[in-house]
Amino acid sequence: MEIDQLQYELGAVRRRTDTEVCSLRQRIVDLELQVSEARKEADEYYRASVEHNTEAMALANQVIFLLVIIINKKDNKFNLPCYKQKLQERGTVESADYTDKFLFF
């Protein structure tokens, strides 16, 4: 009778263990799916951020380029001393002798 009782308890422990293992495996699968989705969202966010930053830098460069053109014009009607000083500090004004050759759309 004692052997039957021990076998029954062993079977019950195995069933509980198997159920727990199955539950943990399902949890792992669910968590892996969540991680995969989070990685996809992070990649999309990163790509959008890089694209936005690239566009912002391109626009900033165009603004600087146009300011250099305006500052270097002989008939400059704009009073832009603060911009000229900042651009000179960056070394941008002196290198703008060829700016009239470029067009912006």
PDB file of N, CA and C in Angstrom:
ATOM      1  N   MET A   1       0.811  -1.186   0.000  1.00  0.00           N
ATOM      2  CA  MET A   1       0.000   0.000   0.000  1.00  0.00           C
ATOM      3  C   MET A   1       0.866   1.267   0.000  1.00  0.00           C
ATOM      4  N   GLU A   2       1.959   1.230   0.720  1.00  0.00           N
ATOM      5  CA  GLU A   2       2.844   2.391   0.778  1.00  0.00           C
ATOM      6  C   GLU A   2       3.468   2.666  -0.586  1.00  0.00           C
ATOM      7  N   ILE A   3       3.808   1.657  -1.335  1.00  0.00           N
ATOM      8  CA  ILE A   3       4.386   1.817  -2.677  1.00  0.00           C
ATOM      9  C   ILE A   3       3.360   2.464  -3.596  1.00  0.00           C
ATOM     10  N   ASP A   4       2.116   2.056  -3.498  1.00  0.00           N
ATOM     11  CA  ASP A   4       1.067   2.659  -4.326  1.00  0.00           C
ATOM     12  C   ASP A   4       0.914   4.146  -4.004  1.00  0.00           C
ATOM     13  N   GLN A   5       0.958   4.444  -2.726  1.00  0.00           N
ATOM     14  CA  GLN A   5       0.838   5.845  -2.297  1.00  0.00           C
ATOM     15  C   GLN A   5       2.009   6.666  -2.831  1.00  0.00           C
ATOM     16  N   LEU A   6       3.204   6.167  -2.734  1.00  0.00           N
ATOM     17  CA  LEU A   6       4.387   6.879  -3.235  1.00  0.00           C
ATOM     18  C   LEU A   6       4.337   7.037  -4.755  1.00  0.00           C
ATOM     19  N   GLN A   7       3.875   5.991  -5.450  1.00  0.00           N
ATOM     20  CA  GLN A   7       3.753   6.089  -6.910  1.00  0.00           C
ATOM     21  C   GLN A   7       2.702   7.134  -7.297  1.00  0.00           C
ATOM     22  N   TYR A   8       1.625   7.188  -6.538  1.00  0.00           N
ATOM     23  CA  TYR A   8       0.586   8.178  -6.802  1.00  0.00           C
ATOM     24  C   TYR A   8       1.144   9.595  -6.588  1.00  0.00           C
ATOM     25  N   GLU A   9       1.839   9.795  -5.472  1.00  0.00           N
ATOM     26  CA  GLU A   9       2.429  11.107  -5.187  1.00  0.00           C
ATOM     27  C   GLU A   9       3.467  11.482  -6.235  1.00  0.00           C
ATOM     28  N   LEU A  10       4.269  10.509  -6.643  1.00  0.00           N
ATOM     29  CA  LEU A  10       5.267  10.762  -7.690  1.00  0.00           C
ATOM     30  C   LEU A  10       4.585  11.156  -8.993  1.00  0.00           C
ATOM     31  N   GLY A  11       3.508  10.479  -9.355  1.00  0.00           N
ATOM     32  CA  GLY A  11       2.754  10.830 -10.570  1.00  0.00           C
ATOM     33  C   GLY A  11       2.167  12.227 -10.475  1.00  0.00           C
ATOM     34  N   ALA A  12       1.649  12.575  -9.284  1.00  0.00           N
ATOM     35  CA  ALA A  12       1.076  13.910  -9.089  1.00  0.00           C
ATOM     36  C   ALA A  12       2.154  14.989  -9.211  1.00  0.00           C
ATOM     37  N   VAL A  13       3.316  14.720  -8.618  1.00  0.00           N
ATOM     38  CA  VAL A  13       4.433  15.673  -8.720  1.00  0.00           C
ATOM     39  C   VAL A  13       4.874  15.816 -10.166  1.00  0.00           C
ATOM     40  N   ARG A  14       4.943  14.727 -10.895  1.00  0.00           N
ATOM     41  CA  ARG A  14       5.331  14.784 -12.320  1.00  0.00           C
ATOM     42  C   ARG A  14       4.321  15.593 -13.124  1.00  0.00           C
ATOM     43  N   ARG A  15       3.033  15.384 -12.870  1.00  0.00           N
ATOM     44  CA  ARG A  15       2.006  16.125 -13.607  1.00  0.00           C
ATOM     45  C   ARG A  15       2.110  17.623 -13.308  1.00  0.00           C
ATOM     46  N   ARG A  16       2.277  17.962 -12.028  1.00  0.00           N
ATOM     47  CA  ARG A  16       2.422  19.375 -11.673  1.00  0.00           C
ATOM     48  C   ARG A  16       3.677  19.968 -12.322  1.00  0.00           C
ATOM     49  N   THR A  17       4.757  19.214 -12.293  1.00  0.00           N
ATOM     50  CA  THR A  17       6.018  19.673 -12.890  1.00  0.00           C
ATOM     51  C   THR A  17       5.862  19.837 -14.396  1.00  0.00           C
ATOM     52  N   ASP A  18       5.246  18.846 -15.031  1.00  0.00           N
ATOM     53  CA  ASP A  18       5.025  18.933 -16.476  1.00  0.00           C
ATOM     54  C   ASP A  18       4.155  20.137 -16.822  1.00  0.00           C
ATOM     55  N   THR A  19       3.118  20.368 -16.021  1.00  0.00           N
ATOM     56  CA  THR A  19       2.237  21.515 -16.255  1.00  0.00           C
ATOM     57  C   THR A  19       2.998  22.822 -16.079  1.00  0.00           C
ATOM     58  N   GLU A  20       3.806  22.878 -15.037  1.00  0.00           N
ATOM     59  CA  GLU A  20       4.596  24.088 -14.780  1.00  0.00           C
ATOM     60  C   GLU A  20       5.615  24.325 -15.892  1.00  0.00           C
ATOM     61  N   VAL A  21       6.284  23.268 -16.334  1.00  0.00           N
ATOM     62  CA  VAL A  21       7.261  23.379 -17.424  1.00  0.00           C
ATOM     63  C   VAL A  21       6.570  23.851 -18.698  1.00  0.00           C
ATOM     64  N   CYS A  22       5.409  23.283 -18.982  1.00  0.00           N
ATOM     65  CA  CYS A  22       4.653  23.683 -20.176  1.00  0.00           C
ATOM     66  C   CYS A  22       4.253  25.153 -20.077  1.00  0.00           C
ATOM     67  N   SER A  23       3.805  25.573 -18.913  1.00  0.00           N
ATOM     68  CA  SER A  23       3.425  26.966 -18.693  1.00  0.00           C
ATOM     69  C   SER A  23       4.633  27.893 -18.875  1.00  0.00           C
ATOM     70  N   LEU A  24       5.766  27.506 -18.325  1.00  0.00           N
ATOM     71  CA  LEU A  24       6.975  28.320 -18.464  1.00  0.00           C
ATOM     72  C   LEU A  24       7.453  28.383 -19.909  1.00  0.00           C
ATOM     73  N   ARG A  25       7.343  27.289 -20.628  1.00  0.00           N
ATOM     74  CA  ARG A  25       7.725  27.294 -22.056  1.00  0.00           C
ATOM     75  C   ARG A  25       6.828  28.238 -22.840  1.00  0.00           C
ATOM     76  N   GLN A  26       5.524  28.226 -22.548  1.00  0.00           N
ATOM     77  CA  GLN A  26       4.596  29.130 -23.233  1.00  0.00           C
ATOM     78  C   GLN A  26       4.917  30.578 -22.890  1.00  0.00           C
ATOM     79  N   ARG A  27       5.276  30.832 -21.661  1.00  0.00           N
ATOM     80  CA  ARG A  27       5.653  32.185 -21.242  1.00  0.00           C
ATOM     81  C   ARG A  27       6.910  32.645 -21.990  1.00  0.00           C
ATOM     82  N   ILE A  28       7.861  31.736 -22.161  1.00  0.00           N
ATOM     83  CA  ILE A  28       9.081  32.063 -22.911  1.00  0.00           C
ATOM     84  C   ILE A  28       8.727  32.431 -24.340  1.00  0.00           C
ATOM     85  N   VAL A  29       7.845  31.654 -24.968  1.00  0.00           N
ATOM     86  CA  VAL A  29       7.432  31.937 -26.346  1.00  0.00           C
ATOM     87  C   VAL A  29       6.760  33.304 -26.420  1.00  0.00           C
ATOM     88  N   ASP A  30       5.871  33.589 -25.471  1.00  0.00           N
ATOM     89  CA  ASP A  30       5.194  34.893 -25.450  1.00  0.00           C
ATOM     90  C   ASP A  30       6.185  36.042 -25.271  1.00  0.00           C
ATOM     91  N   LEU A  31       7.127  35.847 -24.367  1.00  0.00           N
ATOM     92  CA  LEU A  31       8.126  36.898 -24.137  1.00  0.00           C
ATOM     93  C   LEU A  31       9.032  37.085 -25.353  1.00  0.00           C
ATOM     94  N   GLU A  32       9.384  36.009 -26.032  1.00  0.00           N
ATOM     95  CA  GLU A  32      10.195  36.130 -27.245  1.00  0.00           C
ATOM     96  C   GLU A  32       9.447  36.907 -28.323  1.00  0.00           C
ATOM     97  N   LEU A  33       8.143  36.684 -28.435  1.00  0.00           N
ATOM     98  CA  LEU A  33       7.341  37.444 -29.398  1.00  0.00           C
ATOM     99  C   LEU A  33       7.311  38.929 -29.024  1.00  0.00           C
ATOM    100  N   GLN A  34       7.178  39.213 -27.743  1.00  0.00           N
ATOM    101  CA  GLN A  34       7.177  40.607 -27.301  1.00  0.00           C
ATOM    102  C   GLN A  34       8.523  41.280 -27.578  1.00  0.00           C
ATOM    103  N   VAL A  35       9.592  40.556 -27.343  1.00  0.00           N
ATOM    104  CA  VAL A  35      10.929  41.100 -27.616  1.00  0.00           C
ATOM    105  C   VAL A  35      11.094  41.357 -29.110  1.00  0.00           C
ATOM    106  N   SER A  36      10.622  40.431 -29.916  1.00  0.00           N
ATOM    107  CA  SER A  36      10.720  40.588 -31.367  1.00  0.00           C
ATOM    108  C   SER A  36       9.939  41.823 -31.832  1.00  0.00           C
ATOM    109  N   GLU A  37       8.732  41.998 -31.317  1.00  0.00           N
ATOM    110  CA  GLU A  37       7.932  43.169 -31.678  1.00  0.00           C
ATOM    111  C   GLU A  37       8.594  44.455 -31.195  1.00  0.00           C
ATOM    112  N   ALA A  38       9.152  44.430 -29.997  1.00  0.00           N
ATOM    113  CA  ALA A  38       9.826  45.618 -29.463  1.00  0.00           C
ATOM    114  C   ALA A  38      11.042  45.970 -30.313  1.00  0.00           C
ATOM    115  N   ARG A  39      11.765  44.964 -30.771  1.00  0.00           N
ATOM    116  CA  ARG A  39      12.931  45.227 -31.630  1.00  0.00           C
ATOM    117  C   ARG A  39      12.509  45.847 -32.950  1.00  0.00           C
ATOM    118  N   LYS A  40      11.409  45.335 -33.520  1.00  0.00           N
ATOM    119  CA  LYS A  40      10.916  45.908 -34.781  1.00  0.00           C
ATOM    120  C   LYS A  40      10.526  47.364 -34.583  1.00  0.00           C
ATOM    121  N   GLU A  41       9.820  47.658 -33.494  1.00  0.00           N
ATOM    122  CA  GLU A  41       9.418  49.038 -33.222  1.00  0.00           C
ATOM    123  C   GLU A  41      10.641  49.921 -33.001  1.00  0.00           C
ATOM    124  N   ALA A  42      11.631  49.407 -32.291  1.00  0.00           N
ATOM    125  CA  ALA A  42      12.854  50.179 -32.046  1.00  0.00           C
ATOM    126  C   ALA A  42      13.590  50.444 -33.354  1.00  0.00           C
ATOM    127  N   ASP A  43      13.645  49.447 -34.239  1.00  0.00           N
ATOM    128  CA  ASP A  43      14.290  49.643 -35.541  1.00  0.00           C
ATOM    129  C   ASP A  43      13.564  50.703 -36.358  1.00  0.00           C
ATOM    130  N   GLU A  44      12.226  50.645 -36.364  1.00  0.00           N
ATOM    131  CA  GLU A  44      11.451  51.637 -37.106  1.00  0.00           C
ATOM    132  C   GLU A  44      11.681  53.035 -36.532  1.00  0.00           C
ATOM    133  N   TYR A  45      11.677  53.140 -35.220  1.00  0.00           N
ATOM    134  CA  TYR A  45      11.906  54.431 -34.569  1.00  0.00           C
ATOM    135  C   TYR A  45      13.300  54.953 -34.908  1.00  0.00           C
ATOM    136  N   TYR A  46      14.296  54.079 -34.855  1.00  0.00           N
ATOM    137  CA  TYR A  46      15.669  54.479 -35.158  1.00  0.00           C
ATOM    138  C   TYR A  46      15.783  54.967 -36.598  1.00  0.00           C
ATOM    139  N   ARG A  47      15.199  54.201 -37.533  1.00  0.00           N
ATOM    140  CA  ARG A  47      15.266  54.605 -38.943  1.00  0.00           C
ATOM    141  C   ARG A  47      14.585  55.956 -39.161  1.00  0.00           C
ATOM    142  N   ALA A  48      13.417  56.144 -38.538  1.00  0.00           N
ATOM    143  CA  ALA A  48      12.705  57.413 -38.682  1.00  0.00           C
ATOM    144  C   ALA A  48      13.519  58.552 -38.070  1.00  0.00           C
ATOM    145  N   SER A  49      14.159  58.294 -36.962  1.00  0.00           N
ATOM    146  CA  SER A  49      14.984  59.306 -36.302  1.00  0.00           C
ATOM    147  C   SER A  49      16.180  59.683 -37.168  1.00  0.00           C
ATOM    148  N   VAL A  50      16.837  58.697 -37.732  1.00  0.00           N
ATOM    149  CA  VAL A  50      17.990  58.965 -38.603  1.00  0.00           C
ATOM    150  C   VAL A  50      17.538  59.760 -39.829  1.00  0.00           C
ATOM    151  N   GLU A  51      16.406  59.375 -40.417  1.00  0.00           N
ATOM    152  CA  GLU A  51      15.900  60.089 -41.587  1.00  0.00           C
ATOM    153  C   GLU A  51      15.563  61.536 -41.229  1.00  0.00           C
ATOM    154  N   HIS A  52      14.914  61.723 -40.094  1.00  0.00           N
ATOM    155  CA  HIS A  52      14.556  63.075 -39.648  1.00  0.00           C
ATOM    156  C   HIS A  52      15.813  63.909 -39.415  1.00  0.00           C
ATOM    157  N   ASN A  53      16.804  63.335 -38.746  1.00  0.00           N
ATOM    158  CA  ASN A  53      18.045  64.063 -38.477  1.00  0.00           C
ATOM    159  C   ASN A  53      18.785  64.405 -39.766  1.00  0.00           C
ATOM    160  N   THR A  54      18.759  63.500 -40.722  1.00  0.00           N
ATOM    161  CA  THR A  54      19.406  63.745 -42.013  1.00  0.00           C
ATOM    162  C   THR A  54      18.736  64.915 -42.728  1.00  0.00           C
ATOM    163  N   GLU A  55      17.405  64.912 -42.719  1.00  0.00           N
ATOM    164  CA  GLU A  55      16.673  66.008 -43.348  1.00  0.00           C
ATOM    165  C   GLU A  55      16.946  67.332 -42.632  1.00  0.00           C
ATOM    166  N   ALA A  56      16.973  67.297 -41.313  1.00  0.00           N
ATOM    167  CA  ALA A  56      17.237  68.513 -40.542  1.00  0.00           C
ATOM    168  C   ALA A  56      18.634  69.049 -40.836  1.00  0.00           C
ATOM    169  N   MET A  57      19.608  68.164 -40.920  1.00  0.00           N
ATOM    170  CA  MET A  57      20.978  68.603 -41.222  1.00  0.00           C
ATOM    171  C   MET A  57      21.059  69.175 -42.633  1.00  0.00           C
ATOM    172  N   ALA A  58      20.371  68.561 -43.577  1.00  0.00           N
ATOM    173  CA  ALA A  58      20.384  69.067 -44.950  1.00  0.00           C
ATOM    174  C   ALA A  58      19.772  70.472 -45.001  1.00  0.00           C
ATOM    175  N   LEU A  59      18.667  70.660 -44.298  1.00  0.00           N
ATOM    176  CA  LEU A  59      18.043  71.980 -44.273  1.00  0.00           C
ATOM    177  C   LEU A  59      18.940  73.000 -43.573  1.00  0.00           C
ATOM    178  N   ALA A  60      19.560  72.601 -42.482  1.00  0.00           N
ATOM    179  CA  ALA A  60      20.467  73.514 -41.780  1.00  0.00           C
ATOM    180  C   ALA A  60      21.639  73.895 -42.684  1.00  0.00           C
ATOM    181  N   ASN A  61      22.166  72.938 -43.419  1.00  0.00           N
ATOM    182  CA  ASN A  61      23.271  73.230 -44.340  1.00  0.00           C
ATOM    183  C   ASN A  61      22.832  74.176 -45.446  1.00  0.00           C
ATOM    184  N   GLN A  62      21.610  74.002 -45.935  1.00  0.00           N
ATOM    185  CA  GLN A  62      21.109  74.908 -46.962  1.00  0.00           C
ATOM    186  C   GLN A  62      20.953  76.323 -46.413  1.00  0.00           C
ATOM    187  N   VAL A  63      20.466  76.439 -45.187  1.00  0.00           N
ATOM    188  CA  VAL A  63      20.324  77.762 -44.571  1.00  0.00           C
ATOM    189  C   VAL A  63      21.692  78.422 -44.434  1.00  0.00           C
ATOM    190  N   ILE A  64      22.660  77.683 -43.944  1.00  0.00           N
ATOM    191  CA  ILE A  64      24.013  78.230 -43.804  1.00  0.00           C
ATOM    192  C   ILE A  64      24.562  78.635 -45.167  1.00  0.00           C
ATOM    193  N   PHE A  65      24.353  77.793 -46.152  1.00  0.00           N
ATOM    194  CA  PHE A  65      24.838  78.070 -47.499  1.00  0.00           C
ATOM    195  C   PHE A  65      24.207  79.359 -48.033  1.00  0.00           C
ATOM    196  N   LEU A  66      22.902  79.504 -47.845  1.00  0.00           N
ATOM    197  CA  LEU A  66      22.221  80.709 -48.307  1.00  0.00           C
ATOM    198  C   LEU A  66      22.685  81.942 -47.535  1.00  0.00           C
ATOM    199  N   LEU A  67      22.914  81.802 -46.241  1.00  0.00           N
ATOM    200  CA  LEU A  67      23.453  82.926 -45.468  1.00  0.00           C
ATOM    201  C   LEU A  67      24.833  83.328 -45.976  1.00  0.00           C
ATOM    202  N   VAL A  68      25.646  82.359 -46.313  1.00  0.00           N
ATOM    203  CA  VAL A  68      26.975  82.664 -46.858  1.00  0.00           C
ATOM    204  C   VAL A  68      26.839  83.427 -48.160  1.00  0.00           C
ATOM    205  N   ILE A  69      25.905  83.015 -48.999  1.00  0.00           N
ATOM    206  CA  ILE A  69      25.688  83.728 -50.266  1.00  0.00           C
ATOM    207  C   ILE A  69      25.272  85.167 -50.004  1.00  0.00           C
ATOM    208  N   ILE A  70      24.330  85.338 -49.091  1.00  0.00           N
ATOM    209  CA  ILE A  70      23.831  86.684 -48.784  1.00  0.00           C
ATOM    210  C   ILE A  70      24.945  87.548 -48.200  1.00  0.00           C
ATOM    211  N   ILE A  71      25.698  87.008 -47.282  1.00  0.00           N
ATOM    212  CA  ILE A  71      26.764  87.775 -46.629  1.00  0.00           C
ATOM    213  C   ILE A  71      27.853  88.158 -47.617  1.00  0.00           C
ATOM    214  N   ASN A  72      28.159  87.281 -48.565  1.00  0.00           N
ATOM    215  CA  ASN A  72      29.248  87.542 -49.509  1.00  0.00           C
ATOM    216  C   ASN A  72      28.843  88.411 -50.688  1.00  0.00           C
ATOM    217  N   LYS A  73      27.572  88.674 -50.852  1.00  0.00           N
ATOM    218  CA  LYS A  73      27.144  89.535 -51.961  1.00  0.00           C
ATOM    219  C   LYS A  73      27.660  90.951 -51.728  1.00  0.00           C
ATOM    220  N   LYS A  74      28.083  91.579 -52.802  1.00  0.00           N
ATOM    221  CA  LYS A  74      28.576  92.951 -52.710  1.00  0.00           C
ATOM    222  C   LYS A  74      27.434  93.922 -52.363  1.00  0.00           C
ATOM    223  N   ASP A  75      26.274  93.679 -52.941  1.00  0.00           N
ATOM    224  CA  ASP A  75      25.126  94.564 -52.701  1.00  0.00           C
ATOM    225  C   ASP A  75      24.228  93.993 -51.604  1.00  0.00           C
ATOM    226  N   ASN A  76      24.843  93.559 -50.539  1.00  0.00           N
ATOM    227  CA  ASN A  76      24.125  92.953 -49.419  1.00  0.00           C
ATOM    228  C   ASN A  76      23.249  94.004 -48.743  1.00  0.00           C
ATOM    229  N   LYS A  77      21.937  93.833 -48.813  1.00  0.00           N
ATOM    230  CA  LYS A  77      20.998  94.782 -48.219  1.00  0.00           C
ATOM    231  C   LYS A  77      20.633  94.376 -46.790  1.00  0.00           C
ATOM    232  N   PHE A  78      21.056  93.207 -46.411  1.00  0.00           N
ATOM    233  CA  PHE A  78      20.716  92.698 -45.087  1.00  0.00           C
ATOM    234  C   PHE A  78      21.861  92.977 -44.125  1.00  0.00           C
ATOM    235  N   ASN A  79      21.521  93.334 -42.923  1.00  0.00           N
ATOM    236  CA  ASN A  79      22.525  93.559 -41.896  1.00  0.00           C
ATOM    237  C   ASN A  79      22.594  92.283 -41.056  1.00  0.00           C
ATOM    238  N   LEU A  80      23.554  91.437 -41.341  1.00  0.00           N
ATOM    239  CA  LEU A  80      23.651  90.142 -40.675  1.00  0.00           C
ATOM    240  C   LEU A  80      25.003  89.973 -39.978  1.00  0.00           C
ATOM    241  N   PRO A  81      25.432  90.936 -39.173  1.00  0.00           N
ATOM    242  CA  PRO A  81      26.763  90.807 -38.569  1.00  0.00           C
ATOM    243  C   PRO A  81      26.872  89.608 -37.632  1.00  0.00           C
ATOM    244  N   CYS A  82      25.809  89.307 -36.896  1.00  0.00           N
ATOM    245  CA  CYS A  82      25.907  88.177 -35.960  1.00  0.00           C
ATOM    246  C   CYS A  82      26.071  86.858 -36.726  1.00  0.00           C
ATOM    247  N   TYR A  83      25.354  86.720 -37.845  1.00  0.00           N
ATOM    248  CA  TYR A  83      25.497  85.502 -38.644  1.00  0.00           C
ATOM    249  C   TYR A  83      26.871  85.435 -39.288  1.00  0.00           C
ATOM    250  N   LYS A  84      27.341  86.588 -39.777  1.00  0.00           N
ATOM    251  CA  LYS A  84      28.650  86.608 -40.420  1.00  0.00           C
ATOM    252  C   LYS A  84      29.729  86.200 -39.431  1.00  0.00           C
ATOM    253  N   GLN A  85      29.651  86.715 -38.214  1.00  0.00           N
ATOM    254  CA  GLN A  85      30.643  86.367 -37.200  1.00  0.00           C
ATOM    255  C   GLN A  85      30.597  84.872 -36.884  1.00  0.00           C
ATOM    256  N   LYS A  86      29.389  84.343 -36.722  1.00  0.00           N
ATOM    257  CA  LYS A  86      29.269  82.909 -36.421  1.00  0.00           C
ATOM    258  C   LYS A  86      29.794  82.050 -37.568  1.00  0.00           C
ATOM    259  N   LEU A  87      29.474  82.472 -38.784  1.00  0.00           N
ATOM    260  CA  LEU A  87      29.943  81.703 -39.937  1.00  0.00           C
ATOM    261  C   LEU A  87      31.454  81.815 -40.099  1.00  0.00           C
ATOM    262  N   GLN A  88      32.014  82.993 -39.779  1.00  0.00           N
ATOM    263  CA  GLN A  88      33.466  83.138 -39.838  1.00  0.00           C
ATOM    264  C   GLN A  88      34.134  82.247 -38.804  1.00  0.00           C
ATOM    265  N   GLU A  89      33.513  82.150 -37.624  1.00  0.00           N
ATOM    266  CA  GLU A  89      34.061  81.266 -36.600  1.00  0.00           C
ATOM    267  C   GLU A  89      34.075  79.817 -37.076  1.00  0.00           C
ATOM    268  N   ARG A  90      33.079  79.463 -37.866  1.00  0.00           N
ATOM    269  CA  ARG A  90      33.021  78.095 -38.394  1.00  0.00           C
ATOM    270  C   ARG A  90      33.911  77.926 -39.627  1.00  0.00           C
ATOM    271  N   GLY A  91      34.417  79.039 -40.155  1.00  0.00           N
ATOM    272  CA  GLY A  91      35.260  78.960 -41.348  1.00  0.00           C
ATOM    273  C   GLY A  91      34.443  78.789 -42.607  1.00  0.00           C
ATOM    274  N   THR A  92      33.198  79.247 -42.602  1.00  0.00           N
ATOM    275  CA  THR A  92      32.307  79.016 -43.726  1.00  0.00           C
ATOM    276  C   THR A  92      32.279  80.174 -44.704  1.00  0.00           C
ATOM    277  N   VAL A  93      32.425  81.399 -44.222  1.00  0.00           N
ATOM    278  CA  VAL A  93      32.274  82.573 -45.085  1.00  0.00           C
ATOM    279  C   VAL A  93      33.372  82.637 -46.130  1.00  0.00           C
ATOM    280  N   GLU A  94      34.612  82.411 -45.731  1.00  0.00           N
ATOM    281  CA  GLU A  94      35.734  82.540 -46.660  1.00  0.00           C
ATOM    282  C   GLU A  94      35.685  81.496 -47.778  1.00  0.00           C
ATOM    283  N   SER A  95      35.057  80.360 -47.516  1.00  0.00           N
ATOM    284  CA  SER A  95      35.048  79.293 -48.517  1.00  0.00           C
ATOM    285  C   SER A  95      33.856  79.394 -49.448  1.00  0.00           C
ATOM    286  N   ALA A  96      33.188  80.536 -49.476  1.00  0.00           N
ATOM    287  CA  ALA A  96      31.959  80.648 -50.246  1.00  0.00           C
ATOM    288  C   ALA A  96      32.126  81.460 -51.524  1.00  0.00           C
ATOM    289  N   ASP A  97      33.313  81.536 -52.073  1.00  0.00           N
ATOM    290  CA  ASP A  97      33.530  82.295 -53.299  1.00  0.00           C
ATOM    291  C   ASP A  97      32.786  81.679 -54.482  1.00  0.00           C
ATOM    292  N   TYR A  98      32.528  80.410 -54.435  1.00  0.00           N
ATOM    293  CA  TYR A  98      31.909  79.696 -55.553  1.00  0.00           C
ATOM    294  C   TYR A  98      30.404  79.533 -55.366  1.00  0.00           C
ATOM    295  N   THR A  99      29.800  80.169 -54.402  1.00  0.00           N
ATOM    296  CA  THR A  99      28.406  79.904 -54.055  1.00  0.00           C
ATOM    297  C   THR A  99      27.423  80.352 -55.134  1.00  0.00           C
ATOM    298  N   ASP A 100      27.744  81.311 -55.925  1.00  0.00           N
ATOM    299  CA  ASP A 100      26.828  81.790 -56.944  1.00  0.00           C
ATOM    300  C   ASP A 100      26.609  80.744 -58.034  1.00  0.00           C
ATOM    301  N   LYS A 101      27.403  79.738 -58.097  1.00  0.00           N
ATOM    302  CA  LYS A 101      27.281  78.728 -59.142  1.00  0.00           C
ATOM    303  C   LYS A 101      26.236  77.664 -58.825  1.00  0.00           C
ATOM    304  N   PHE A 102      25.723  77.647 -57.588  1.00  0.00           N
ATOM    305  CA  PHE A 102      24.794  76.606 -57.162  1.00  0.00           C
ATOM    306  C   PHE A 102      23.378  77.133 -57.121  1.00  0.00           C
ATOM    307  N   LEU A 103      22.439  76.262 -57.401  1.00  0.00           N
ATOM    308  CA  LEU A 103      21.026  76.612 -57.345  1.00  0.00           C
ATOM    309  C   LEU A 103      20.335  75.752 -56.292  1.00  0.00           C
ATOM    310  N   PHE A 104      19.330  76.332 -55.670  1.00  0.00           N
ATOM    311  CA  PHE A 104      18.526  75.586 -54.710  1.00  0.00           C
ATOM    312  C   PHE A 104      17.105  75.491 -55.221  1.00  0.00           C
ATOM    313  N   PHE A 105      16.508  74.359 -55.024  1.00  0.00           N
ATOM    314  CA  PHE A 105      15.123  74.161 -55.457  1.00  0.00           C
ATOM    315  C   PHE A 105      14.273  73.906 -54.251  1.00  0.00           C
TER     316      PHE A 105
END
